[in-house]
Amino acid sequence: MRTKEKIDKEITALKALKPVGNFANETQKTINMLIVELEDEIDLDSEEGEAMTEGRRELVEATREWKCGETSYRPSEGWGGLVSQT
């Protein structure tokens, strides 16, 4: 499990991402969902979890893996042209 300090740092990094382009609203919803996962945990078996797109579900699962220390790939990485970083 990552330390609270590292999780808080990652939440700050996610909040710094500014979605751009045609899909900015959807990108922001996804980023917000990852922040919720880092702050608490999303129940993927709930109605909300079942209603998620496969892509969002995979991102939430990857975020959970990072939070648990199972991967080094940070949730704030890999957004490419979907965001600008401030």
PDB file of N, CA and C in Angstrom:
ATOM      1  N   MET A   1       0.854  -1.182   0.000  1.00  0.00           N
ATOM      2  CA  MET A   1       0.000   0.000   0.000  1.00  0.00           C
ATOM      3  C   MET A   1       0.894   1.238   0.000  1.00  0.00           C
ATOM      4  N   ARG A   2       0.560   2.175  -0.871  1.00  0.00           N
ATOM      5  CA  ARG A   2       1.299   3.438  -0.921  1.00  0.00           C
ATOM      6  C   ARG A   2       1.026   4.245   0.347  1.00  0.00           C
ATOM      7  N   THR A   3       1.969   5.087   0.704  1.00  0.00           N
ATOM      8  CA  THR A   3       1.790   5.940   1.873  1.00  0.00           C
ATOM      9  C   THR A   3       0.747   7.013   1.570  1.00  0.00           C
ATOM     10  N   LYS A   4       0.168   7.553   2.629  1.00  0.00           N
ATOM     11  CA  LYS A   4      -0.806   8.641   2.473  1.00  0.00           C
ATOM     12  C   LYS A   4      -0.152   9.814   1.750  1.00  0.00           C
ATOM     13  N   GLU A   5       1.103  10.076   2.041  1.00  0.00           N
ATOM     14  CA  GLU A   5       1.826  11.178   1.398  1.00  0.00           C
ATOM     15  C   GLU A   5       1.901  10.972  -0.120  1.00  0.00           C
ATOM     16  N   LYS A   6       2.225   9.759  -0.555  1.00  0.00           N
ATOM     17  CA  LYS A   6       2.318   9.476  -1.991  1.00  0.00           C
ATOM     18  C   LYS A   6       0.942   9.537  -2.656  1.00  0.00           C
ATOM     19  N   ILE A   7      -0.071   9.040  -1.978  1.00  0.00           N
ATOM     20  CA  ILE A   7      -1.433   9.093  -2.521  1.00  0.00           C
ATOM     21  C   ILE A   7      -1.890  10.543  -2.648  1.00  0.00           C
ATOM     22  N   ASP A   8      -1.629  11.343  -1.614  1.00  0.00           N
ATOM     23  CA  ASP A   8      -2.001  12.764  -1.667  1.00  0.00           C
ATOM     24  C   ASP A   8      -1.264  13.483  -2.792  1.00  0.00           C
ATOM     25  N   LYS A   9      -0.009  13.139  -2.995  1.00  0.00           N
ATOM     26  CA  LYS A   9       0.777  13.741  -4.078  1.00  0.00           C
ATOM     27  C   LYS A   9       0.175  13.377  -5.441  1.00  0.00           C
ATOM     28  N   GLU A  10      -0.274  12.147  -5.578  1.00  0.00           N
ATOM     29  CA  GLU A  10      -0.880  11.712  -6.841  1.00  0.00           C
ATOM     30  C   GLU A  10      -2.229  12.392  -7.056  1.00  0.00           C
ATOM     31  N   ILE A  11      -3.004  12.571  -6.008  1.00  0.00           N
ATOM     32  CA  ILE A  11      -4.270  13.300  -6.114  1.00  0.00           C
ATOM     33  C   ILE A  11      -4.004  14.724  -6.580  1.00  0.00           C
ATOM     34  N   THR A  12      -2.986  15.362  -6.021  1.00  0.00           N
ATOM     35  CA  THR A  12      -2.617  16.716  -6.440  1.00  0.00           C
ATOM     36  C   THR A  12      -2.224  16.733  -7.910  1.00  0.00           C
ATOM     37  N   ALA A  13      -1.474  15.732  -8.349  1.00  0.00           N
ATOM     38  CA  ALA A  13      -1.060  15.648  -9.758  1.00  0.00           C
ATOM     39  C   ALA A  13      -2.270  15.475 -10.671  1.00  0.00           C
ATOM     40  N   LEU A  14      -3.232  14.664 -10.259  1.00  0.00           N
ATOM     41  CA  LEU A  14      -4.444  14.484 -11.057  1.00  0.00           C
ATOM     42  C   LEU A  14      -5.259  15.771 -11.120  1.00  0.00           C
ATOM     43  N   LYS A  15      -5.351  16.477 -10.007  1.00  0.00           N
ATOM     44  CA  LYS A  15      -6.103  17.734  -9.979  1.00  0.00           C
ATOM     45  C   LYS A  15      -5.455  18.799 -10.852  1.00  0.00           C
ATOM     46  N   ALA A  16      -4.152  18.684 -11.077  1.00  0.00           N
ATOM     47  CA  ALA A  16      -3.432  19.657 -11.911  1.00  0.00           C
ATOM     48  C   ALA A  16      -3.667  19.429 -13.400  1.00  0.00           C
ATOM     49  N   LEU A  17      -4.190  18.258 -13.772  1.00  0.00           N
ATOM     50  CA  LEU A  17      -4.454  17.974 -15.177  1.00  0.00           C
ATOM     51  C   LEU A  17      -5.673  18.764 -15.633  1.00  0.00           C
ATOM     52  N   LYS A  18      -5.531  19.443 -16.749  1.00  0.00           N
ATOM     53  CA  LYS A  18      -6.624  20.245 -17.284  1.00  0.00           C
ATOM     54  C   LYS A  18      -7.051  19.667 -18.636  1.00  0.00           C
ATOM     55  N   PRO A  19      -8.195  18.985 -18.667  1.00  0.00           N
ATOM     56  CA  PRO A  19      -8.667  18.387 -19.918  1.00  0.00           C
ATOM     57  C   PRO A  19      -8.868  19.424 -21.017  1.00  0.00           C
ATOM     58  N   VAL A  20      -8.545  19.020 -22.232  1.00  0.00           N
ATOM     59  CA  VAL A  20      -8.692  19.891 -23.399  1.00  0.00           C
ATOM     60  C   VAL A  20      -9.376  19.106 -24.520  1.00  0.00           C
ATOM     61  N   GLY A  21      -9.868  19.835 -25.497  1.00  0.00           N
ATOM     62  CA  GLY A  21     -10.421  19.201 -26.689  1.00  0.00           C
ATOM     63  C   GLY A  21     -11.882  18.828 -26.567  1.00  0.00           C
ATOM     64  N   ASN A  22     -12.330  18.087 -27.573  1.00  0.00           N
ATOM     65  CA  ASN A  22     -13.743  17.718 -27.682  1.00  0.00           C
ATOM     66  C   ASN A  22     -14.238  16.835 -26.544  1.00  0.00           C
ATOM     67  N   PHE A  23     -13.349  16.090 -25.934  1.00  0.00           N
ATOM     68  CA  PHE A  23     -13.760  15.153 -24.886  1.00  0.00           C
ATOM     69  C   PHE A  23     -13.365  15.634 -23.492  1.00  0.00           C
ATOM     70  N   ALA A  24     -13.164  16.938 -23.334  1.00  0.00           N
ATOM     71  CA  ALA A  24     -12.700  17.493 -22.058  1.00  0.00           C
ATOM     72  C   ALA A  24     -13.636  17.135 -20.899  1.00  0.00           C
ATOM     73  N   ASN A  25     -14.948  17.224 -21.115  1.00  0.00           N
ATOM     74  CA  ASN A  25     -15.895  16.916 -20.029  1.00  0.00           C
ATOM     75  C   ASN A  25     -15.798  15.458 -19.605  1.00  0.00           C
ATOM     76  N   GLU A  26     -15.725  14.551 -20.571  1.00  0.00           N
ATOM     77  CA  GLU A  26     -15.617  13.123 -20.246  1.00  0.00           C
ATOM     78  C   GLU A  26     -14.274  12.800 -19.593  1.00  0.00           C
ATOM     79  N   THR A  27     -13.230  13.461 -20.077  1.00  0.00           N
ATOM     80  CA  THR A  27     -11.901  13.265 -19.482  1.00  0.00           C
ATOM     81  C   THR A  27     -11.904  13.735 -18.039  1.00  0.00           C
ATOM     82  N   GLN A  28     -12.541  14.876 -17.761  1.00  0.00           N
ATOM     83  CA  GLN A  28     -12.610  15.382 -16.388  1.00  0.00           C
ATOM     84  C   GLN A  28     -13.392  14.425 -15.493  1.00  0.00           C
ATOM     85  N   LYS A  29     -14.472  13.857 -16.003  1.00  0.00           N
ATOM     86  CA  LYS A  29     -15.245  12.871 -15.227  1.00  0.00           C
ATOM     87  C   LYS A  29     -14.374  11.664 -14.873  1.00  0.00           C
ATOM     88  N   THR A  30     -13.563  11.232 -15.815  1.00  0.00           N
ATOM     89  CA  THR A  30     -12.680  10.089 -15.571  1.00  0.00           C
ATOM     90  C   THR A  30     -11.628  10.438 -14.526  1.00  0.00           C
ATOM     91  N   ILE A  31     -11.017  11.599 -14.661  1.00  0.00           N
ATOM     92  CA  ILE A  31     -10.024  12.036 -13.677  1.00  0.00           C
ATOM     93  C   ILE A  31     -10.656  12.121 -12.292  1.00  0.00           C
ATOM     94  N   ASN A  32     -11.850  12.694 -12.207  1.00  0.00           N
ATOM     95  CA  ASN A  32     -12.554  12.788 -10.921  1.00  0.00           C
ATOM     96  C   ASN A  32     -12.803  11.412 -10.321  1.00  0.00           C
ATOM     97  N   MET A  33     -13.135  10.456 -11.162  1.00  0.00           N
ATOM     98  CA  MET A  33     -13.384   9.101 -10.698  1.00  0.00           C
ATOM     99  C   MET A  33     -12.096   8.489 -10.107  1.00  0.00           C
ATOM    100  N   LEU A  34     -10.969   8.765 -10.733  1.00  0.00           N
ATOM    101  CA  LEU A  34      -9.694   8.248 -10.226  1.00  0.00           C
ATOM    102  C   LEU A  34      -9.341   8.897  -8.895  1.00  0.00           C
ATOM    103  N   ILE A  35      -9.670  10.168  -8.752  1.00  0.00           N
ATOM    104  CA  ILE A  35      -9.444  10.843  -7.472  1.00  0.00           C
ATOM    105  C   ILE A  35     -10.288  10.202  -6.378  1.00  0.00           C
ATOM    106  N   VAL A  36     -11.546   9.911  -6.692  1.00  0.00           N
ATOM    107  CA  VAL A  36     -12.417   9.226  -5.721  1.00  0.00           C
ATOM    108  C   VAL A  36     -11.819   7.879  -5.332  1.00  0.00           C
ATOM    109  N   GLU A  37     -11.320   7.145  -6.302  1.00  0.00           N
ATOM    110  CA  GLU A  37     -10.704   5.845  -6.015  1.00  0.00           C
ATOM    111  C   GLU A  37      -9.505   6.003  -5.081  1.00  0.00           C
ATOM    112  N   LEU A  38      -8.692   7.024  -5.306  1.00  0.00           N
ATOM    113  CA  LEU A  38      -7.526   7.239  -4.450  1.00  0.00           C
ATOM    114  C   LEU A  38      -7.924   7.693  -3.053  1.00  0.00           C
ATOM    115  N   GLU A  39      -8.962   8.494  -2.951  1.00  0.00           N
ATOM    116  CA  GLU A  39      -9.406   8.997  -1.640  1.00  0.00           C
ATOM    117  C   GLU A  39     -10.118   7.925  -0.833  1.00  0.00           C
ATOM    118  N   ASP A  40     -10.802   7.053  -1.493  1.00  0.00           N
ATOM    119  CA  ASP A  40     -11.586   6.017  -0.821  1.00  0.00           C
ATOM    120  C   ASP A  40     -11.455   4.750  -1.644  1.00  0.00           C
ATOM    121  N   GLU A  41     -12.510   4.262  -2.169  1.00  0.00           N
ATOM    122  CA  GLU A  41     -12.493   3.131  -3.096  1.00  0.00           C
ATOM    123  C   GLU A  41     -13.868   3.041  -3.728  1.00  0.00           C
ATOM    124  N   ILE A  42     -13.874   2.852  -5.036  1.00  0.00           N
ATOM    125  CA  ILE A  42     -15.123   2.710  -5.768  1.00  0.00           C
ATOM    126  C   ILE A  42     -15.515   1.242  -5.751  1.00  0.00           C
ATOM    127  N   ASP A  43     -16.751   0.965  -5.399  1.00  0.00           N
ATOM    128  CA  ASP A  43     -17.263  -0.409  -5.419  1.00  0.00           C
ATOM    129  C   ASP A  43     -17.626  -0.754  -6.859  1.00  0.00           C
ATOM    130  N   LEU A  44     -16.756  -1.531  -7.500  1.00  0.00           N
ATOM    131  CA  LEU A  44     -16.978  -1.881  -8.900  1.00  0.00           C
ATOM    132  C   LEU A  44     -18.158  -2.825  -9.092  1.00  0.00           C
ATOM    133  N   ASP A  45     -18.638  -3.417  -8.007  1.00  0.00           N
ATOM    134  CA  ASP A  45     -19.804  -4.299  -8.086  1.00  0.00           C
ATOM    135  C   ASP A  45     -21.110  -3.552  -7.827  1.00  0.00           C
ATOM    136  N   SER A  46     -21.003  -2.264  -7.499  1.00  0.00           N
ATOM    137  CA  SER A  46     -22.208  -1.465  -7.259  1.00  0.00           C
ATOM    138  C   SER A  46     -22.858  -1.108  -8.586  1.00  0.00           C
ATOM    139  N   GLU A  47     -24.014  -0.487  -8.504  1.00  0.00           N
ATOM    140  CA  GLU A  47     -24.713  -0.036  -9.706  1.00  0.00           C
ATOM    141  C   GLU A  47     -23.839   0.949 -10.489  1.00  0.00           C
ATOM    142  N   GLU A  48     -23.188   1.861  -9.746  1.00  0.00           N
ATOM    143  CA  GLU A  48     -22.288   2.830 -10.387  1.00  0.00           C
ATOM    144  C   GLU A  48     -21.126   2.116 -11.090  1.00  0.00           C
ATOM    145  N   GLY A  49     -20.546   1.144 -10.415  1.00  0.00           N
ATOM    146  CA  GLY A  49     -19.437   0.400 -10.996  1.00  0.00           C
ATOM    147  C   GLY A  49     -19.843  -0.400 -12.218  1.00  0.00           C
ATOM    148  N   GLU A  50     -21.001  -1.002 -12.150  1.00  0.00           N
ATOM    149  CA  GLU A  50     -21.500  -1.795 -13.275  1.00  0.00           C
ATOM    150  C   GLU A  50     -21.818  -0.917 -14.484  1.00  0.00           C
ATOM    151  N   ALA A  51     -22.179   0.345 -14.233  1.00  0.00           N
ATOM    152  CA  ALA A  51     -22.545   1.244 -15.319  1.00  0.00           C
ATOM    153  C   ALA A  51     -21.335   1.882 -16.015  1.00  0.00           C
ATOM    154  N   MET A  52     -20.146   1.693 -15.444  1.00  0.00           N
ATOM    155  CA  MET A  52     -18.936   2.289 -16.022  1.00  0.00           C
ATOM    156  C   MET A  52     -18.602   1.674 -17.372  1.00  0.00           C
ATOM    157  N   THR A  53     -18.003   2.498 -18.223  1.00  0.00           N
ATOM    158  CA  THR A  53     -17.494   1.958 -19.480  1.00  0.00           C
ATOM    159  C   THR A  53     -16.311   1.051 -19.157  1.00  0.00           C
ATOM    160  N   GLU A  54     -15.996   0.178 -20.061  1.00  0.00           N
ATOM    161  CA  GLU A  54     -14.870  -0.739 -19.847  1.00  0.00           C
ATOM    162  C   GLU A  54     -13.567   0.036 -19.646  1.00  0.00           C
ATOM    163  N   GLY A  55     -13.395   1.105 -20.424  1.00  0.00           N
ATOM    164  CA  GLY A  55     -12.183   1.915 -20.310  1.00  0.00           C
ATOM    165  C   GLY A  55     -12.033   2.558 -18.943  1.00  0.00           C
ATOM    166  N   ARG A  56     -13.123   3.121 -18.433  1.00  0.00           N
ATOM    167  CA  ARG A  56     -13.074   3.731 -17.092  1.00  0.00           C
ATOM    168  C   ARG A  56     -12.837   2.686 -16.026  1.00  0.00           C
ATOM    169  N   ARG A  57     -13.481   1.567 -16.179  1.00  0.00           N
ATOM    170  CA  ARG A  57     -13.311   0.477 -15.208  1.00  0.00           C
ATOM    171  C   ARG A  57     -11.850   0.031 -15.153  1.00  0.00           C
ATOM    172  N   GLU A  58     -11.232  -0.096 -16.324  1.00  0.00           N
ATOM    173  CA  GLU A  58      -9.823  -0.494 -16.380  1.00  0.00           C
ATOM    174  C   GLU A  58      -8.930   0.547 -15.725  1.00  0.00           C
ATOM    175  N   LEU A  59      -9.242   1.833 -15.929  1.00  0.00           N
ATOM    176  CA  LEU A  59      -8.454   2.890 -15.291  1.00  0.00           C
ATOM    177  C   LEU A  59      -8.620   2.876 -13.771  1.00  0.00           C
ATOM    178  N   VAL A  60      -9.824   2.629 -13.303  1.00  0.00           N
ATOM    179  CA  VAL A  60     -10.050   2.536 -11.856  1.00  0.00           C
ATOM    180  C   VAL A  60      -9.271   1.346 -11.287  1.00  0.00           C
ATOM    181  N   GLU A  61      -9.307   0.218 -11.976  1.00  0.00           N
ATOM    182  CA  GLU A  61      -8.569  -0.957 -11.516  1.00  0.00           C
ATOM    183  C   GLU A  61      -7.067  -0.695 -11.518  1.00  0.00           C
ATOM    184  N   ALA A  62      -6.561  -0.005 -12.544  1.00  0.00           N
ATOM    185  CA  ALA A  62      -5.137   0.325 -12.609  1.00  0.00           C
ATOM    186  C   ALA A  62      -4.755   1.288 -11.487  1.00  0.00           C
ATOM    187  N   THR A  63      -5.655   2.220 -11.173  1.00  0.00           N
ATOM    188  CA  THR A  63      -5.417   3.157 -10.071  1.00  0.00           C
ATOM    189  C   THR A  63      -5.371   2.406  -8.750  1.00  0.00           C
ATOM    190  N   ARG A  64      -6.249   1.453  -8.586  1.00  0.00           N
ATOM    191  CA  ARG A  64      -6.260   0.631  -7.368  1.00  0.00           C
ATOM    192  C   ARG A  64      -4.959  -0.161  -7.252  1.00  0.00           C
ATOM    193  N   GLU A  65      -4.484  -0.701  -8.368  1.00  0.00           N
ATOM    194  CA  GLU A  65      -3.214  -1.448  -8.360  1.00  0.00           C
ATOM    195  C   GLU A  65      -2.058  -0.535  -7.957  1.00  0.00           C
ATOM    196  N   TRP A  66      -2.046   0.697  -8.485  1.00  0.00           N
ATOM    197  CA  TRP A  66      -0.993   1.639  -8.105  1.00  0.00           C
ATOM    198  C   TRP A  66      -1.081   1.939  -6.613  1.00  0.00           C
ATOM    199  N   LYS A  67      -2.298   2.201  -6.126  1.00  0.00           N
ATOM    200  CA  LYS A  67      -2.508   2.528  -4.715  1.00  0.00           C
ATOM    201  C   LYS A  67      -2.024   1.403  -3.806  1.00  0.00           C
ATOM    202  N   CYS A  68      -2.190   0.175  -4.261  1.00  0.00           N
ATOM    203  CA  CYS A  68      -1.774  -0.983  -3.473  1.00  0.00           C
ATOM    204  C   CYS A  68      -0.299  -1.335  -3.664  1.00  0.00           C
ATOM    205  N   GLY A  69       0.390  -0.595  -4.541  1.00  0.00           N
ATOM    206  CA  GLY A  69       1.810  -0.832  -4.762  1.00  0.00           C
ATOM    207  C   GLY A  69       2.114  -1.953  -5.731  1.00  0.00           C
ATOM    208  N   GLU A  70       1.128  -2.364  -6.518  1.00  0.00           N
ATOM    209  CA  GLU A  70       1.310  -3.478  -7.446  1.00  0.00           C
ATOM    210  C   GLU A  70       1.899  -3.055  -8.784  1.00  0.00           C
ATOM    211  N   THR A  71       1.928  -1.746  -9.060  1.00  0.00           N
ATOM    212  CA  THR A  71       2.485  -1.224 -10.300  1.00  0.00           C
ATOM    213  C   THR A  71       3.102   0.143 -10.027  1.00  0.00           C
ATOM    214  N   SER A  72       4.070   0.525 -10.844  1.00  0.00           N
ATOM    215  CA  SER A  72       4.695   1.835 -10.674  1.00  0.00           C
ATOM    216  C   SER A  72       4.092   2.881 -11.600  1.00  0.00           C
ATOM    217  N   TYR A  73       3.192   2.460 -12.493  1.00  0.00           N
ATOM    218  CA  TYR A  73       2.580   3.374 -13.460  1.00  0.00           C
ATOM    219  C   TYR A  73       1.544   4.234 -12.756  1.00  0.00           C
ATOM    220  N   ARG A  74       1.838   5.529 -12.617  1.00  0.00           N
ATOM    221  CA  ARG A  74       0.989   6.443 -11.864  1.00  0.00           C
ATOM    222  C   ARG A  74      -0.278   6.818 -12.641  1.00  0.00           C
ATOM    223  N   PRO A  75      -1.411   6.969 -11.942  1.00  0.00           N
ATOM    224  CA  PRO A  75      -2.662   7.353 -12.598  1.00  0.00           C
ATOM    225  C   PRO A  75      -2.587   8.686 -13.336  1.00  0.00           C
ATOM    226  N   SER A  76      -1.704   9.573 -12.930  1.00  0.00           N
ATOM    227  CA  SER A  76      -1.593  10.883 -13.580  1.00  0.00           C
ATOM    228  C   SER A  76      -0.741  10.834 -14.847  1.00  0.00           C
ATOM    229  N   GLU A  77      -0.200   9.690 -15.180  1.00  0.00           N
ATOM    230  CA  GLU A  77       0.632   9.544 -16.376  1.00  0.00           C
ATOM    231  C   GLU A  77      -0.190   9.045 -17.568  1.00  0.00           C
ATOM    232  N   GLY A  78       0.289   9.353 -18.762  1.00  0.00           N
ATOM    233  CA  GLY A  78      -0.262   8.758 -19.962  1.00  0.00           C
ATOM    234  C   GLY A  78      -1.506   9.404 -20.537  1.00  0.00           C
ATOM    235  N   TRP A  79      -1.793  10.631 -20.169  1.00  0.00           N
ATOM    236  CA  TRP A  79      -2.998  11.289 -20.674  1.00  0.00           C
ATOM    237  C   TRP A  79      -2.777  11.954 -22.020  1.00  0.00           C
ATOM    238  N   GLY A  80      -1.512  12.087 -22.438  1.00  0.00           N
ATOM    239  CA  GLY A  80      -1.190  12.608 -23.764  1.00  0.00           C
ATOM    240  C   GLY A  80      -1.897  13.911 -24.088  1.00  0.00           C
ATOM    241  N   GLY A  81      -2.475  13.972 -25.277  1.00  0.00           N
ATOM    242  CA  GLY A  81      -3.127  15.179 -25.763  1.00  0.00           C
ATOM    243  C   GLY A  81      -4.492  15.451 -25.162  1.00  0.00           C
ATOM    244  N   LEU A  82      -4.957  14.592 -24.259  1.00  0.00           N
ATOM    245  CA  LEU A  82      -6.267  14.814 -23.642  1.00  0.00           C
ATOM    246  C   LEU A  82      -6.228  15.888 -22.560  1.00  0.00           C
ATOM    247  N   VAL A  83      -5.012  16.203 -22.070  1.00  0.00           N
ATOM    248  CA  VAL A  83      -4.894  17.185 -20.990  1.00  0.00           C
ATOM    249  C   VAL A  83      -3.692  18.087 -21.233  1.00  0.00           C
ATOM    250  N   SER A  84      -3.742  19.244 -20.579  1.00  0.00           N
ATOM    251  CA  SER A  84      -2.551  20.072 -20.464  1.00  0.00           C
ATOM    252  C   SER A  84      -2.199  20.058 -18.986  1.00  0.00           C
ATOM    253  N   GLN A  85      -0.930  20.091 -18.690  1.00  0.00           N
ATOM    254  CA  GLN A  85      -0.504  20.060 -17.304  1.00  0.00           C
ATOM    255  C   GLN A  85      -0.080  21.455 -16.889  1.00  0.00           C
ATOM    256  N   THR A  86      -0.618  21.903 -15.752  1.00  0.00           N
ATOM    257  CA  THR A  86      -0.304  23.252 -15.273  1.00  0.00           C
ATOM    258  C   THR A  86       0.570  23.189 -14.053  1.00  0.00           C
TER     259      THR A  86
END
